[in-house]
């Protein structure tokens, strides 16, 4: 869904909108979710230098902040899950890449993690699909992608371990 000028102002006129839109990456006219997932790799390059425990805490805090920011944007746009919200992709992408903190690997595994997350985010296996349909508001926006990130992280861990 493409936002008109008034809707873009409504999103970016509040700090929560900048967060929810992945600092504007969710305004991409083509595949905003993919753009958000790609934009999430930039902070990951700094996060991967931190310990697993610190990154896990950052992800939990980012999830909570995403619930708040998503609720604000949902309220401002009056749309239940607007495509401009991509903070959920940031969190899901970071969850996906967690195994790379345990098994440091070549940068190509970050690219593999990107594609795995996109696969599981679009596919939405259960319970991702359940959360997407049944859980509403900012928590629902965030939950299905966090769950997709868990699936993608497990797949990435298996692939890294065996290859």
C-alpha atoms as a PDB file:
ATOM      1  CA  UNK A   1       0.000   0.000   0.000  1.00  0.00           C
ATOM      2  CA  UNK A   2       1.441   3.308  -1.079  1.00  0.00           C
ATOM      3  CA  UNK A   3       0.988   6.204   1.321  1.00  0.00           C
ATOM      4  CA  UNK A   4      -0.118   9.603   0.100  1.00  0.00           C
ATOM      5  CA  UNK A   5       1.658  12.791   1.200  1.00  0.00           C
ATOM      6  CA  UNK A   6      -0.676  13.356   4.150  1.00  0.00           C
ATOM      7  CA  UNK A   7      -0.179   9.796   5.401  1.00  0.00           C
ATOM      8  CA  UNK A   8       3.619  10.090   5.059  1.00  0.00           C
ATOM      9  CA  UNK A   9       3.477  13.291   7.136  1.00  0.00           C
ATOM     10  CA  UNK A  10       1.354  11.480   9.730  1.00  0.00           C
ATOM     11  CA  UNK A  11       3.954   8.716   9.973  1.00  0.00           C
ATOM     12  CA  UNK A  12       7.094  10.848   9.938  1.00  0.00           C
ATOM     13  CA  UNK A  13       5.569  13.624  12.053  1.00  0.00           C
ATOM     14  CA  UNK A  14       6.093  11.528  15.179  1.00  0.00           C
ATOM     15  CA  UNK A  15       9.326   9.901  16.426  1.00  0.00           C
ATOM     16  CA  UNK A  16       7.480   6.570  16.608  1.00  0.00           C
ATOM     17  CA  UNK A  17       6.878   6.803  12.871  1.00  0.00           C
ATOM     18  CA  UNK A  18      10.587   7.056  12.165  1.00  0.00           C
ATOM     19  CA  UNK A  19      11.208   3.977  14.280  1.00  0.00           C
ATOM     20  CA  UNK A  20       8.255   1.964  12.921  1.00  0.00           C
ATOM     21  CA  UNK A  21       9.194   2.809   9.334  1.00  0.00           C
ATOM     22  CA  UNK A  22      12.759   1.623   9.869  1.00  0.00           C
ATOM     23  CA  UNK A  23      14.051   5.195   9.606  1.00  0.00           C
ATOM     24  CA  UNK A  24      12.176   5.633   6.338  1.00  0.00           C
ATOM     25  CA  UNK A  25      13.030   2.312   4.685  1.00  0.00           C
ATOM     26  CA  UNK A  26       9.373   1.289   4.951  1.00  0.00           C
ATOM     27  CA  UNK A  27       8.487   4.105   2.577  1.00  0.00           C
ATOM     28  CA  UNK A  28      10.126   2.211  -0.285  1.00  0.00           C
ATOM     29  CA  UNK A  29       7.690   2.108  -3.221  1.00  0.00           C
ATOM     30  CA  UNK A  30       8.803  -1.440  -4.018  1.00  0.00           C
ATOM     31  CA  UNK A  31       8.771  -4.273  -1.429  1.00  0.00           C
ATOM     32  CA  UNK A  32       8.993  -2.215   1.778  1.00  0.00           C
ATOM     33  CA  UNK A  33       9.397  -5.358   3.884  1.00  0.00           C
ATOM     34  CA  UNK A  34      12.430  -6.403   1.875  1.00  0.00           C
ATOM     35  CA  UNK A  35      13.789  -2.852   2.047  1.00  0.00           C
ATOM     36  CA  UNK A  36      13.335  -2.904   5.829  1.00  0.00           C
ATOM     37  CA  UNK A  37      15.071  -6.275   6.129  1.00  0.00           C
ATOM     38  CA  UNK A  38      17.988  -4.963   4.066  1.00  0.00           C
ATOM     39  CA  UNK A  39      18.173  -1.764   6.130  1.00  0.00           C
ATOM     40  CA  UNK A  40      18.272  -3.897   9.301  1.00  0.00           C
ATOM     41  CA  UNK A  41      21.616  -5.311   8.165  1.00  0.00           C
ATOM     42  CA  UNK A  42      23.309  -1.933   8.673  1.00  0.00           C
ATOM     43  CA  UNK A  43      22.883  -1.837  12.480  1.00  0.00           C
ATOM     44  CA  UNK A  44      23.581  -5.586  12.548  1.00  0.00           C
ATOM     45  CA  UNK A  45      27.112  -4.912  11.320  1.00  0.00           C
ATOM     46  CA  UNK A  46      27.685  -3.018  14.585  1.00  0.00           C
ATOM     47  CA  UNK A  47      25.582  -5.324  16.779  1.00  0.00           C
ATOM     48  CA  UNK A  48      27.557  -8.413  15.758  1.00  0.00           C
ATOM     49  CA  UNK A  49      30.569  -6.999  17.599  1.00  0.00           C
ATOM     50  CA  UNK A  50      28.643  -7.251  20.896  1.00  0.00           C
ATOM     51  CA  UNK A  51      28.151 -10.312  23.072  1.00  0.00           C
ATOM     52  CA  UNK A  52      25.194 -12.627  22.552  1.00  0.00           C
ATOM     53  CA  UNK A  53      23.662 -11.506  25.848  1.00  0.00           C
ATOM     54  CA  UNK A  54      23.852  -7.814  24.973  1.00  0.00           C
ATOM     55  CA  UNK A  55      22.386  -8.408  21.516  1.00  0.00           C
ATOM     56  CA  UNK A  56      19.559 -10.495  23.012  1.00  0.00           C
ATOM     57  CA  UNK A  57      18.689  -7.649  25.395  1.00  0.00           C
ATOM     58  CA  UNK A  58      18.813  -5.156  22.518  1.00  0.00           C
ATOM     59  CA  UNK A  59      16.429  -7.340  20.499  1.00  0.00           C
ATOM     60  CA  UNK A  60      13.965  -7.604  23.398  1.00  0.00           C
ATOM     61  CA  UNK A  61      14.093  -3.826  23.852  1.00  0.00           C
ATOM     62  CA  UNK A  62      13.705  -3.296  20.094  1.00  0.00           C
ATOM     63  CA  UNK A  63      10.667  -5.602  20.116  1.00  0.00           C
ATOM     64  CA  UNK A  64       9.053  -3.629  22.948  1.00  0.00           C
ATOM     65  CA  UNK A  65       9.860  -0.327  21.244  1.00  0.00           C
ATOM     66  CA  UNK A  66       8.382  -1.745  18.034  1.00  0.00           C
ATOM     67  CA  UNK A  67       5.101  -2.606  19.771  1.00  0.00           C
ATOM     68  CA  UNK A  68       4.837   0.986  20.981  1.00  0.00           C
ATOM     69  CA  UNK A  69       5.888   2.564  17.668  1.00  0.00           C
ATOM     70  CA  UNK A  70       3.582   0.295  15.661  1.00  0.00           C
ATOM     71  CA  UNK A  71       0.632   1.168  17.895  1.00  0.00           C
ATOM     72  CA  UNK A  72       1.310   4.874  17.357  1.00  0.00           C
ATOM     73  CA  UNK A  73       1.482   4.499  13.560  1.00  0.00           C
ATOM     74  CA  UNK A  74      -1.601   2.257  13.465  1.00  0.00           C
ATOM     75  CA  UNK A  75      -3.468   4.915  15.422  1.00  0.00           C
ATOM     76  CA  UNK A  76      -2.262   7.766  13.240  1.00  0.00           C
ATOM     77  CA  UNK A  77      -3.057   6.000   9.949  1.00  0.00           C
ATOM     78  CA  UNK A  78      -6.097   4.042  11.171  1.00  0.00           C
ATOM     79  CA  UNK A  79      -4.836   0.996   9.245  1.00  0.00           C
ATOM     80  CA  UNK A  80      -4.412  -2.290  11.146  1.00  0.00           C
ATOM     81  CA  UNK A  81      -1.032  -3.378   9.695  1.00  0.00           C
ATOM     82  CA  UNK A  82       0.296  -0.734   7.309  1.00  0.00           C
ATOM     83  CA  UNK A  83       3.149  -1.820   5.053  1.00  0.00           C
ATOM     84  CA  UNK A  84       5.170   1.221   6.076  1.00  0.00           C
ATOM     85  CA  UNK A  85       5.824  -0.477   9.431  1.00  0.00           C
ATOM     86  CA  UNK A  86       9.045  -2.425   8.954  1.00  0.00           C
ATOM     87  CA  UNK A  87      10.518  -2.343  12.462  1.00  0.00           C
ATOM     88  CA  UNK A  88       9.161  -5.873  12.755  1.00  0.00           C
ATOM     89  CA  UNK A  89      11.468  -6.817   9.862  1.00  0.00           C
ATOM     90  CA  UNK A  90      14.398  -5.287  11.734  1.00  0.00           C
ATOM     91  CA  UNK A  91      13.688  -7.398  14.815  1.00  0.00           C
ATOM     92  CA  UNK A  92      12.967 -10.557  12.812  1.00  0.00           C
ATOM     93  CA  UNK A  93      16.143 -10.115  10.792  1.00  0.00           C
ATOM     94  CA  UNK A  94      18.219  -9.646  13.940  1.00  0.00           C
ATOM     95  CA  UNK A  95      16.690 -12.770  15.511  1.00  0.00           C
ATOM     96  CA  UNK A  96      17.549 -14.675  12.334  1.00  0.00           C
ATOM     97  CA  UNK A  97      21.196 -13.649  12.538  1.00  0.00           C
ATOM     98  CA  UNK A  98      21.690 -14.611  16.211  1.00  0.00           C
ATOM     99  CA  UNK A  99      23.309 -17.992  15.351  1.00  0.00           C
ATOM    100  CA  UNK A 100      26.133 -16.079  13.658  1.00  0.00           C
ATOM    101  CA  UNK A 101      27.125 -14.754  17.087  1.00  0.00           C
ATOM    102  CA  UNK A 102      27.552 -18.331  18.306  1.00  0.00           C
ATOM    103  CA  UNK A 103      29.198 -19.707  15.167  1.00  0.00           C
ATOM    104  CA  UNK A 104      31.077 -16.827  13.556  1.00  0.00           C
ATOM    105  CA  UNK A 105      30.950 -17.370   9.833  1.00  0.00           C
ATOM    106  CA  UNK A 106      31.761 -15.783   6.518  1.00  0.00           C
ATOM    107  CA  UNK A 107      29.780 -12.663   5.572  1.00  0.00           C
ATOM    108  CA  UNK A 108      27.909 -14.740   2.981  1.00  0.00           C
ATOM    109  CA  UNK A 109      25.968 -16.278   5.875  1.00  0.00           C
ATOM    110  CA  UNK A 110      24.508 -12.828   6.614  1.00  0.00           C
ATOM    111  CA  UNK A 111      23.180 -12.813   3.058  1.00  0.00           C
ATOM    112  CA  UNK A 112      21.824 -16.343   3.560  1.00  0.00           C
ATOM    113  CA  UNK A 113      20.142 -15.169   6.769  1.00  0.00           C
ATOM    114  CA  UNK A 114      18.581 -12.259   4.901  1.00  0.00           C
ATOM    115  CA  UNK A 115      17.026 -14.596   2.329  1.00  0.00           C
ATOM    116  CA  UNK A 116      15.951 -17.147   4.943  1.00  0.00           C
ATOM    117  CA  UNK A 117      14.153 -14.467   6.929  1.00  0.00           C
ATOM    118  CA  UNK A 118      12.403 -13.153   3.831  1.00  0.00           C
ATOM    119  CA  UNK A 119      11.336 -16.737   2.988  1.00  0.00           C
ATOM    120  CA  UNK A 120       9.842 -17.415   6.421  1.00  0.00           C
ATOM    121  CA  UNK A 121       8.330 -13.919   6.680  1.00  0.00           C
ATOM    122  CA  UNK A 122       6.463 -14.364   3.390  1.00  0.00           C
ATOM    123  CA  UNK A 123       5.667 -18.067   3.869  1.00  0.00           C
ATOM    124  CA  UNK A 124       4.427 -17.570   7.463  1.00  0.00           C
ATOM    125  CA  UNK A 125       4.376 -21.171   8.703  1.00  0.00           C
ATOM    126  CA  UNK A 126       2.313 -21.857  11.835  1.00  0.00           C
ATOM    127  CA  UNK A 127       2.336 -20.123  14.372  1.00  0.00           C
ATOM    128  CA  UNK A 128       3.470 -17.100  12.313  1.00  0.00           C
ATOM    129  CA  UNK A 129       0.300 -17.307  10.205  1.00  0.00           C
ATOM    130  CA  UNK A 130      -1.840 -17.629  13.328  1.00  0.00           C
ATOM    131  CA  UNK A 131      -0.201 -14.573  14.912  1.00  0.00           C
ATOM    132  CA  UNK A 132      -0.573 -12.615  11.679  1.00  0.00           C
ATOM    133  CA  UNK A 133      -4.326 -13.304  11.547  1.00  0.00           C
ATOM    134  CA  UNK A 134      -5.280 -13.359  15.225  1.00  0.00           C
ATOM    135  CA  UNK A 135      -3.022 -11.043  17.215  1.00  0.00           C
ATOM    136  CA  UNK A 136      -3.870  -7.401  16.625  1.00  0.00           C
ATOM    137  CA  UNK A 137      -2.231  -4.056  17.258  1.00  0.00           C
ATOM    138  CA  UNK A 138       1.441  -3.348  17.600  1.00  0.00           C
ATOM    139  CA  UNK A 139       2.083  -6.638  19.393  1.00  0.00           C
ATOM    140  CA  UNK A 140       0.566  -8.550  16.476  1.00  0.00           C
ATOM    141  CA  UNK A 141       2.601  -6.572  13.940  1.00  0.00           C
ATOM    142  CA  UNK A 142       5.789  -7.497  15.782  1.00  0.00           C
ATOM    143  CA  UNK A 143       4.967 -11.072  16.823  1.00  0.00           C
ATOM    144  CA  UNK A 144       4.587 -12.805  13.453  1.00  0.00           C
ATOM    145  CA  UNK A 145       7.941 -11.476  12.222  1.00  0.00           C
ATOM    146  CA  UNK A 146       9.689 -12.368  15.474  1.00  0.00           C
ATOM    147  CA  UNK A 147       8.372 -15.914  15.074  1.00  0.00           C
ATOM    148  CA  UNK A 148       9.482 -15.980  11.426  1.00  0.00           C
ATOM    149  CA  UNK A 149      12.894 -14.866  12.686  1.00  0.00           C
ATOM    150  CA  UNK A 150      13.012 -17.836  15.071  1.00  0.00           C
ATOM    151  CA  UNK A 151      12.272 -20.258  12.213  1.00  0.00           C
ATOM    152  CA  UNK A 152      14.871 -18.582  10.005  1.00  0.00           C
ATOM    153  CA  UNK A 153      17.438 -18.616  12.837  1.00  0.00           C
ATOM    154  CA  UNK A 154      16.939 -22.354  13.308  1.00  0.00           C
ATOM    155  CA  UNK A 155      17.345 -22.947   9.574  1.00  0.00           C
ATOM    156  CA  UNK A 156      20.455 -20.740   9.479  1.00  0.00           C
ATOM    157  CA  UNK A 157      21.965 -22.550  12.486  1.00  0.00           C
ATOM    158  CA  UNK A 158      21.475 -25.928  10.808  1.00  0.00           C
ATOM    159  CA  UNK A 159      22.998 -24.688   7.558  1.00  0.00           C
ATOM    160  CA  UNK A 160      26.001 -23.061   9.269  1.00  0.00           C
ATOM    161  CA  UNK A 161      26.579 -26.145  11.376  1.00  0.00           C
ATOM    162  CA  UNK A 162      26.595 -28.537   8.425  1.00  0.00           C
ATOM    163  CA  UNK A 163      28.291 -26.316   5.850  1.00  0.00           C
END
